[in-house]
PDB file of N, CA and C in Angstrom:
ATOM      1  N   MET A   1    -140.712 101.798 113.920  1.00  0.00           N
ATOM      2  CA  MET A   1    -140.486 101.922 115.167  1.00  0.00           C
ATOM      3  C   MET A   1    -138.803 101.379 115.576  1.00  0.00           C
ATOM      4  N   LYS A   2    -138.079 102.211 116.257  1.00  0.00           N
ATOM      5  CA  LYS A   2    -136.927 101.977 116.438  1.00  0.00           C
ATOM      6  C   LYS A   2    -136.701 101.158 117.865  1.00  0.00           C
ATOM      7  N   ILE A   3    -135.882 100.589 117.498  1.00  0.00           N
ATOM      8  CA  ILE A   3    -135.606  99.348 118.751  1.00  0.00           C
ATOM      9  C   ILE A   3    -134.104  99.134 119.228  1.00  0.00           C
ATOM     10  N   THR A   4    -133.613  99.393 120.376  1.00  0.00           N
ATOM     11  CA  THR A   4    -132.512  99.560 120.835  1.00  0.00           C
ATOM     12  C   THR A   4    -131.896  98.517 121.716  1.00  0.00           C
ATOM     13  N   ASN A   5    -130.770  97.913 121.621  1.00  0.00           N
ATOM     14  CA  ASN A   5    -129.934  97.285 123.073  1.00  0.00           C
ATOM     15  C   ASN A   5    -130.339  96.099 123.041  1.00  0.00           C
ATOM     16  N   ILE A   6    -130.745  95.340 122.251  1.00  0.00           N
ATOM     17  CA  ILE A   6    -131.123  93.858 122.040  1.00  0.00           C
ATOM     18  C   ILE A   6    -130.023  93.491 122.545  1.00  0.00           C
ATOM     19  N   LYS A   7    -130.069  92.526 123.544  1.00  0.00           N
ATOM     20  CA  LYS A   7    -129.008  91.669 124.069  1.00  0.00           C
ATOM     21  C   LYS A   7    -129.296  90.048 123.672  1.00  0.00           C
ATOM     22  N   ASP A   8    -130.433  89.701 123.769  1.00  0.00           N
ATOM     23  CA  ASP A   8    -130.784  88.203 123.420  1.00  0.00           C
ATOM     24  C   ASP A   8    -131.335  88.361 122.059  1.00  0.00           C
ATOM     25  N   THR A   9    -130.624  88.198 120.998  1.00  0.00           N
ATOM     26  CA  THR A   9    -131.091  88.051 119.881  1.00  0.00           C
ATOM     27  C   THR A   9    -132.004  86.608 119.533  1.00  0.00           C
ATOM     28  N   GLU A  10    -131.963  85.457 120.222  1.00  0.00           N
ATOM     29  CA  GLU A  10    -132.598  84.273 120.081  1.00  0.00           C
ATOM     30  C   GLU A  10    -133.972  84.747 120.247  1.00  0.00           C
ATOM     31  N   ALA A  11    -134.065  85.321 121.723  1.00  0.00           N
ATOM     32  CA  ALA A  11    -135.582  86.001 121.883  1.00  0.00           C
ATOM     33  C   ALA A  11    -135.971  86.676 121.149  1.00  0.00           C
ATOM     34  N   PHE A  12    -135.355  87.748 120.312  1.00  0.00           N
ATOM     35  CA  PHE A  12    -135.748  88.548 119.528  1.00  0.00           C
ATOM     36  C   PHE A  12    -136.527  88.190 118.107  1.00  0.00           C
ATOM     37  N   PHE A  13    -135.744  87.197 117.767  1.00  0.00           N
ATOM     38  CA  PHE A  13    -136.119  86.384 116.564  1.00  0.00           C
ATOM     39  C   PHE A  13    -137.373  85.474 116.946  1.00  0.00           C
ATOM     40  N   LYS A  14    -137.992  84.800 117.748  1.00  0.00           N
ATOM     41  CA  LYS A  14    -138.554  84.166 118.288  1.00  0.00           C
ATOM     42  C   LYS A  14    -139.965  85.267 118.245  1.00  0.00           C
ATOM     43  N   VAL A  15    -139.870  86.290 118.765  1.00  0.00           N
ATOM     44  CA  VAL A  15    -141.155  87.242 118.714  1.00  0.00           C
ATOM     45  C   VAL A  15    -141.305  87.557 117.353  1.00  0.00           C
ATOM     46  N   VAL A  16    -140.134  88.012 116.591  1.00  0.00           N
ATOM     47  CA  VAL A  16    -140.319  87.959 114.977  1.00  0.00           C
ATOM     48  C   VAL A  16    -141.373  86.894 114.435  1.00  0.00           C
ATOM     49  N   ASP A  17    -140.689  85.754 114.878  1.00  0.00           N
ATOM     50  CA  ASP A  17    -141.212  84.728 114.108  1.00  0.00           C
ATOM     51  C   ASP A  17    -142.757  84.301 114.547  1.00  0.00           C
ATOM     52  N   SER A  18    -142.992  84.877 115.903  1.00  0.00           N
ATOM     53  CA  SER A  18    -144.560  84.873 116.057  1.00  0.00           C
ATOM     54  C   SER A  18    -145.328  85.595 115.841  1.00  0.00           C
ATOM     55  N   CYS A  19    -144.993  86.914 115.142  1.00  0.00           N
ATOM     56  CA  CYS A  19    -145.761  87.799 114.359  1.00  0.00           C
ATOM     57  C   CYS A  19    -146.472  87.333 113.399  1.00  0.00           C
ATOM     58  N   GLU A  20    -147.788  87.967 113.359  1.00  0.00           N
ATOM     59  CA  GLU A  20    -148.815  87.242 112.232  1.00  0.00           C
ATOM     60  C   GLU A  20    -148.600  87.673 110.839  1.00  0.00           C
ATOM     61  N   GLY A  21    -148.011  89.022 110.618  1.00  0.00           N
ATOM     62  CA  GLY A  21    -147.837  89.968 109.416  1.00  0.00           C
ATOM     63  C   GLY A  21    -146.186  89.893 109.166  1.00  0.00           C
ATOM     64  N   ARG A  22    -146.201  90.758 107.939  1.00  0.00           N
ATOM     65  CA  ARG A  22    -144.830  90.828 107.814  1.00  0.00           C
ATOM     66  C   ARG A  22    -144.046  91.964 109.139  1.00  0.00           C
ATOM     67  N   VAL A  23    -142.883  91.930 109.018  1.00  0.00           N
ATOM     68  CA  VAL A  23    -141.761  92.487 109.924  1.00  0.00           C
ATOM     69  C   VAL A  23    -140.729  92.660 109.216  1.00  0.00           C
ATOM     70  N   GLU A  24    -140.268  94.297 108.813  1.00  0.00           N
ATOM     71  CA  GLU A  24    -139.186  94.186 107.873  1.00  0.00           C
ATOM     72  C   GLU A  24    -138.117  95.404 108.849  1.00  0.00           C
ATOM     73  N   LEU A  25    -136.940  94.802 108.384  1.00  0.00           N
ATOM     74  CA  LEU A  25    -136.001  95.516 108.827  1.00  0.00           C
ATOM     75  C   LEU A  25    -135.438  96.485 107.844  1.00  0.00           C
ATOM     76  N   VAL A  26    -135.235  97.923 108.241  1.00  0.00           N
ATOM     77  CA  VAL A  26    -134.767  98.906 107.452  1.00  0.00           C
ATOM     78  C   VAL A  26    -133.495  99.497 107.748  1.00  0.00           C
ATOM     79  N   THR A  27    -132.462  98.851 106.555  1.00  0.00           N
ATOM     80  CA  THR A  27    -131.193  99.391 106.492  1.00  0.00           C
ATOM     81  C   THR A  27    -130.929 100.779 106.576  1.00  0.00           C
ATOM     82  N   GLY A  28    -129.541 101.106 106.736  1.00  0.00           N
ATOM     83  CA  GLY A  28    -128.781 102.422 106.729  1.00  0.00           C
ATOM     84  C   GLY A  28    -129.281 103.018 105.446  1.00  0.00           C
ATOM     85  N   GLU A  29    -128.943 102.150 104.395  1.00  0.00           N
ATOM     86  CA  GLU A  29    -129.239 102.629 102.898  1.00  0.00           C
ATOM     87  C   GLU A  29    -130.634 102.576 102.636  1.00  0.00           C
ATOM     88  N   GLY A  30    -131.423 102.487 103.655  1.00  0.00           N
ATOM     89  CA  GLY A  30    -132.995 102.395 103.348  1.00  0.00           C
ATOM     90  C   GLY A  30    -133.834 101.173 102.651  1.00  0.00           C
ATOM     91  N   ASP A  31    -133.055 100.148 102.297  1.00  0.00           N
ATOM     92  CA  ASP A  31    -133.577  98.993 101.908  1.00  0.00           C
ATOM     93  C   ASP A  31    -134.196  98.131 103.046  1.00  0.00           C
ATOM     94  N   ARG A  32    -135.419  97.385 102.413  1.00  0.00           N
ATOM     95  CA  ARG A  32    -136.284  96.782 103.712  1.00  0.00           C
ATOM     96  C   ARG A  32    -135.838  94.984 103.646  1.00  0.00           C
ATOM     97  N   LEU A  33    -135.662  94.512 104.459  1.00  0.00           N
ATOM     98  CA  LEU A  33    -135.343  93.085 104.789  1.00  0.00           C
ATOM     99  C   LEU A  33    -136.680  92.631 105.450  1.00  0.00           C
ATOM    100  N   ASN A  34    -136.885  91.558 104.946  1.00  0.00           N
ATOM    101  CA  ASN A  34    -138.402  90.797 105.814  1.00  0.00           C
ATOM    102  C   ASN A  34    -137.407  89.781 106.716  1.00  0.00           C
ATOM    103  N   LEU A  35    -137.831  90.189 108.017  1.00  0.00           N
ATOM    104  CA  LEU A  35    -137.031  89.541 109.121  1.00  0.00           C
ATOM    105  C   LEU A  35    -137.789  88.212 109.565  1.00  0.00           C
ATOM    106  N   LYS A  36    -138.916  88.149 108.693  1.00  0.00           N
ATOM    107  CA  LYS A  36    -139.501  86.538 109.119  1.00  0.00           C
ATOM    108  C   LYS A  36    -138.749  85.441 108.153  1.00  0.00           C
ATOM    109  N   SER A  37    -138.015  85.950 106.908  1.00  0.00           N
ATOM    110  CA  SER A  37    -137.215  84.999 106.385  1.00  0.00           C
ATOM    111  C   SER A  37    -135.613  84.895 107.386  1.00  0.00           C
ATOM    112  N   LYS A  38    -135.432  83.448 107.228  1.00  0.00           N
ATOM    113  CA  LYS A  38    -134.291  82.955 107.734  1.00  0.00           C
ATOM    114  C   LYS A  38    -133.191  83.593 106.975  1.00  0.00           C
ATOM    115  N   LEU A  39    -132.965  83.482 105.956  1.00  0.00           N
ATOM    116  CA  LEU A  39    -131.801  84.079 105.097  1.00  0.00           C
ATOM    117  C   LEU A  39    -132.147  85.553 105.781  1.00  0.00           C
ATOM    118  N   SER A  40    -132.631  86.429 105.724  1.00  0.00           N
ATOM    119  CA  SER A  40    -132.570  87.910 106.255  1.00  0.00           C
ATOM    120  C   SER A  40    -132.066  88.036 107.497  1.00  0.00           C
ATOM    121  N   GLN A  41    -132.892  87.055 108.483  1.00  0.00           N
ATOM    122  CA  GLN A  41    -132.346  86.980 109.919  1.00  0.00           C
ATOM    123  C   GLN A  41    -130.886  86.607 109.755  1.00  0.00           C
ATOM    124  N   PHE A  42    -130.421  85.731 108.892  1.00  0.00           N
ATOM    125  CA  PHE A  42    -128.978  85.551 109.055  1.00  0.00           C
ATOM    126  C   PHE A  42    -127.893  86.737 108.474  1.00  0.00           C
ATOM    127  N   VAL A  43    -128.386  87.102 107.330  1.00  0.00           N
ATOM    128  CA  VAL A  43    -127.614  88.386 106.973  1.00  0.00           C
ATOM    129  C   VAL A  43    -127.399  89.412 107.734  1.00  0.00           C
ATOM    130  N   SER A  44    -128.612  89.462 108.771  1.00  0.00           N
ATOM    131  CA  SER A  44    -128.834  90.906 109.221  1.00  0.00           C
ATOM    132  C   SER A  44    -128.148  90.887 110.467  1.00  0.00           C
ATOM    133  N   LEU A  45    -128.102  89.692 111.147  1.00  0.00           N
ATOM    134  CA  LEU A  45    -126.970  89.348 112.250  1.00  0.00           C
ATOM    135  C   LEU A  45    -125.673  89.203 111.757  1.00  0.00           C
ATOM    136  N   ALA A  46    -125.318  88.619 110.806  1.00  0.00           N
ATOM    137  CA  ALA A  46    -123.933  88.516 110.473  1.00  0.00           C
ATOM    138  C   ALA A  46    -123.109  90.113 110.417  1.00  0.00           C
ATOM    139  N   ASN A  47    -124.171  91.168 109.537  1.00  0.00           N
ATOM    140  CA  ASN A  47    -123.538  92.501 109.653  1.00  0.00           C
ATOM    141  C   ASN A  47    -123.632  93.060 111.243  1.00  0.00           C
ATOM    142  N   ILE A  48    -124.642  92.609 111.873  1.00  0.00           N
ATOM    143  CA  ILE A  48    -124.498  93.280 113.313  1.00  0.00           C
ATOM    144  C   ILE A  48    -123.292  92.616 114.083  1.00  0.00           C
ATOM    145  N   PHE A  49    -122.988  91.497 113.894  1.00  0.00           N
ATOM    146  CA  PHE A  49    -122.175  90.832 115.101  1.00  0.00           C
ATOM    147  C   PHE A  49    -120.966  90.992 114.610  1.00  0.00           C
ATOM    148  N   GLN A  50    -120.435  91.961 113.458  1.00  0.00           N
ATOM    149  CA  GLN A  50    -119.391  92.422 113.012  1.00  0.00           C
ATOM    150  C   GLN A  50    -118.783  93.183 114.021  1.00  0.00           C
ATOM    151  N   THR A  51    -119.444  93.667 114.633  1.00  0.00           N
ATOM    152  CA  THR A  51    -118.830  95.122 115.439  1.00  0.00           C
ATOM    153  C   THR A  51    -119.485  94.651 116.986  1.00  0.00           C
ATOM    154  N   ASN A  52    -120.428  94.040 117.584  1.00  0.00           N
ATOM    155  CA  ASN A  52    -120.392  93.896 118.880  1.00  0.00           C
ATOM    156  C   ASN A  52    -121.446  92.432 118.919  1.00  0.00           C
ATOM    157  N   GLU A  53    -121.810  92.266 120.013  1.00  0.00           N
ATOM    158  CA  GLU A  53    -122.544  91.009 120.250  1.00  0.00           C
ATOM    159  C   GLU A  53    -124.031  91.987 120.670  1.00  0.00           C
ATOM    160  N   THR A  54    -124.107  92.975 120.983  1.00  0.00           N
ATOM    161  CA  THR A  54    -125.607  93.839 121.382  1.00  0.00           C
ATOM    162  C   THR A  54    -125.863  94.148 120.090  1.00  0.00           C
ATOM    163  N   ILE A  55    -127.169  94.269 119.965  1.00  0.00           N
ATOM    164  CA  ILE A  55    -127.758  94.865 118.648  1.00  0.00           C
ATOM    165  C   ILE A  55    -127.956  96.306 119.105  1.00  0.00           C
ATOM    166  N   PRO A  56    -127.250  97.515 118.626  1.00  0.00           N
ATOM    167  CA  PRO A  56    -127.971  98.722 119.379  1.00  0.00           C
ATOM    168  C   PRO A  56    -128.681  99.464 118.914  1.00  0.00           C
ATOM    169  N   GLU A  57    -129.041  99.240 117.554  1.00  0.00           N
ATOM    170  CA  GLU A  57    -130.689  99.981 117.196  1.00  0.00           C
ATOM    171  C   GLU A  57    -130.831  98.915 116.192  1.00  0.00           C
ATOM    172  N   LEU A  58    -132.024  99.258 115.756  1.00  0.00           N
ATOM    173  CA  LEU A  58    -132.744  98.434 114.617  1.00  0.00           C
ATOM    174  C   LEU A  58    -134.391  99.499 114.146  1.00  0.00           C
ATOM    175  N   GLU A  59    -134.393  99.745 113.150  1.00  0.00           N
ATOM    176  CA  GLU A  59    -135.390 100.344 112.617  1.00  0.00           C
ATOM    177  C   GLU A  59    -136.346  99.422 112.016  1.00  0.00           C
ATOM    178  N   LEU A  60    -137.496  98.911 112.560  1.00  0.00           N
ATOM    179  CA  LEU A  60    -138.287  98.123 111.955  1.00  0.00           C
ATOM    180  C   LEU A  60    -139.891  98.424 111.769  1.00  0.00           C
ATOM    181  N   ILE A  61    -140.505  97.963 110.570  1.00  0.00           N
ATOM    182  CA  ILE A  61    -141.672  98.226 110.095  1.00  0.00           C
ATOM    183  C   ILE A  61    -142.619  96.680 110.748  1.00  0.00           C
ATOM    184  N   ALA A  62    -143.489  96.880 111.396  1.00  0.00           N
ATOM    185  CA  ALA A  62    -144.422  95.918 111.486  1.00  0.00           C
ATOM    186  C   ALA A  62    -145.635  96.418 111.220  1.00  0.00           C
ATOM    187  N   TYR A  63    -146.693  95.542 110.096  1.00  0.00           N
ATOM    188  CA  TYR A  63    -147.626  95.957 109.341  1.00  0.00           C
ATOM    189  C   TYR A  63    -149.105  95.648 110.467  1.00  0.00           C
ATOM    190  N   GLU A  64    -148.791  94.843 111.269  1.00  0.00           N
ATOM    191  CA  GLU A  64    -150.124  94.520 112.035  1.00  0.00           C
ATOM    192  C   GLU A  64    -149.934  95.221 113.315  1.00  0.00           C
ATOM    193  N   PRO A  65    -150.661  95.474 113.959  1.00  0.00           N
ATOM    194  CA  PRO A  65    -151.022  96.456 115.089  1.00  0.00           C
ATOM    195  C   PRO A  65    -150.470  95.748 116.477  1.00  0.00           C
ATOM    196  N   ASP A  66    -151.117  94.383 116.144  1.00  0.00           N
ATOM    197  CA  ASP A  66    -150.655  93.273 117.298  1.00  0.00           C
ATOM    198  C   ASP A  66    -149.160  92.972 117.377  1.00  0.00           C
ATOM    199  N   ASP A  67    -148.756  92.932 116.050  1.00  0.00           N
ATOM    200  CA  ASP A  67    -147.234  92.566 115.967  1.00  0.00           C
ATOM    201  C   ASP A  67    -146.265  93.655 116.344  1.00  0.00           C
ATOM    202  N   ALA A  68    -146.849  94.923 116.575  1.00  0.00           N
ATOM    203  CA  ALA A  68    -145.994  95.962 117.016  1.00  0.00           C
ATOM    204  C   ALA A  68    -146.210  95.870 118.554  1.00  0.00           C
ATOM    205  N   LYS A  69    -147.289  95.338 118.806  1.00  0.00           N
ATOM    206  CA  LYS A  69    -147.484  95.302 120.441  1.00  0.00           C
ATOM    207  C   LYS A  69    -146.712  94.488 120.943  1.00  0.00           C
ATOM    208  N   ARG A  70    -146.275  93.184 120.178  1.00  0.00           N
ATOM    209  CA  ARG A  70    -145.483  92.319 120.659  1.00  0.00           C
ATOM    210  C   ARG A  70    -143.997  92.585 120.604  1.00  0.00           C
ATOM    211  N   LEU A  71    -143.468  93.371 119.949  1.00  0.00           N
ATOM    212  CA  LEU A  71    -142.504  93.913 119.790  1.00  0.00           C
ATOM    213  C   LEU A  71    -142.065  94.863 120.844  1.00  0.00           C
ATOM    214  N   LEU A  72    -142.927  95.539 121.347  1.00  0.00           N
ATOM    215  CA  LEU A  72    -143.149  96.760 122.277  1.00  0.00           C
ATOM    216  C   LEU A  72    -142.724  95.888 123.409  1.00  0.00           C
ATOM    217  N   GLU A  73    -143.703  95.112 123.711  1.00  0.00           N
ATOM    218  CA  GLU A  73    -143.925  94.154 124.899  1.00  0.00           C
ATOM    219  C   GLU A  73    -142.360  93.236 125.092  1.00  0.00           C
ATOM    220  N   PHE A  74    -141.890  92.890 124.083  1.00  0.00           N
ATOM    221  CA  PHE A  74    -140.377  92.201 124.042  1.00  0.00           C
ATOM    222  C   PHE A  74    -139.315  93.309 124.716  1.00  0.00           C
ATOM    223  N   MET A  75    -139.424  94.346 123.711  1.00  0.00           N
ATOM    224  CA  MET A  75    -138.325  95.419 124.406  1.00  0.00           C
ATOM    225  C   MET A  75    -139.015  95.730 125.718  1.00  0.00           C
ATOM    226  N   ILE A  76    -139.791  95.811 126.198  1.00  0.00           N
ATOM    227  CA  ILE A  76    -140.047  96.530 127.871  1.00  0.00           C
ATOM    228  C   ILE A  76    -139.599  95.382 128.900  1.00  0.00           C
ATOM    229  N   SER A  77    -139.630  94.055 128.658  1.00  0.00           N
ATOM    230  CA  SER A  77    -139.394  93.103 128.881  1.00  0.00           C
ATOM    231  C   SER A  77    -137.962  92.808 128.933  1.00  0.00           C
ATOM    232  N   GLN A  78    -137.404  92.975 128.093  1.00  0.00           N
ATOM    233  CA  GLN A  78    -135.924  92.621 128.286  1.00  0.00           C
ATOM    234  C   GLN A  78    -134.944  93.322 129.409  1.00  0.00           C
TER     235      GLN A  78
END
């Protein structure tokens, strides 16, 4: 799933942390980072904030249907 224009990164990572299963960020090179890992969250934020404060687009893989629903609800509510 592609997620765009994330302005509240703290709230985004709270949603990721609340997910039951694995949530992965797919990088431009095709690598997958486990976003439930605090280290991966830090690395992804450091790379994103080099260019601007809003996350323009992320490609995520949520392995549990309920987690995909949580992420979708977050995007709708922001």
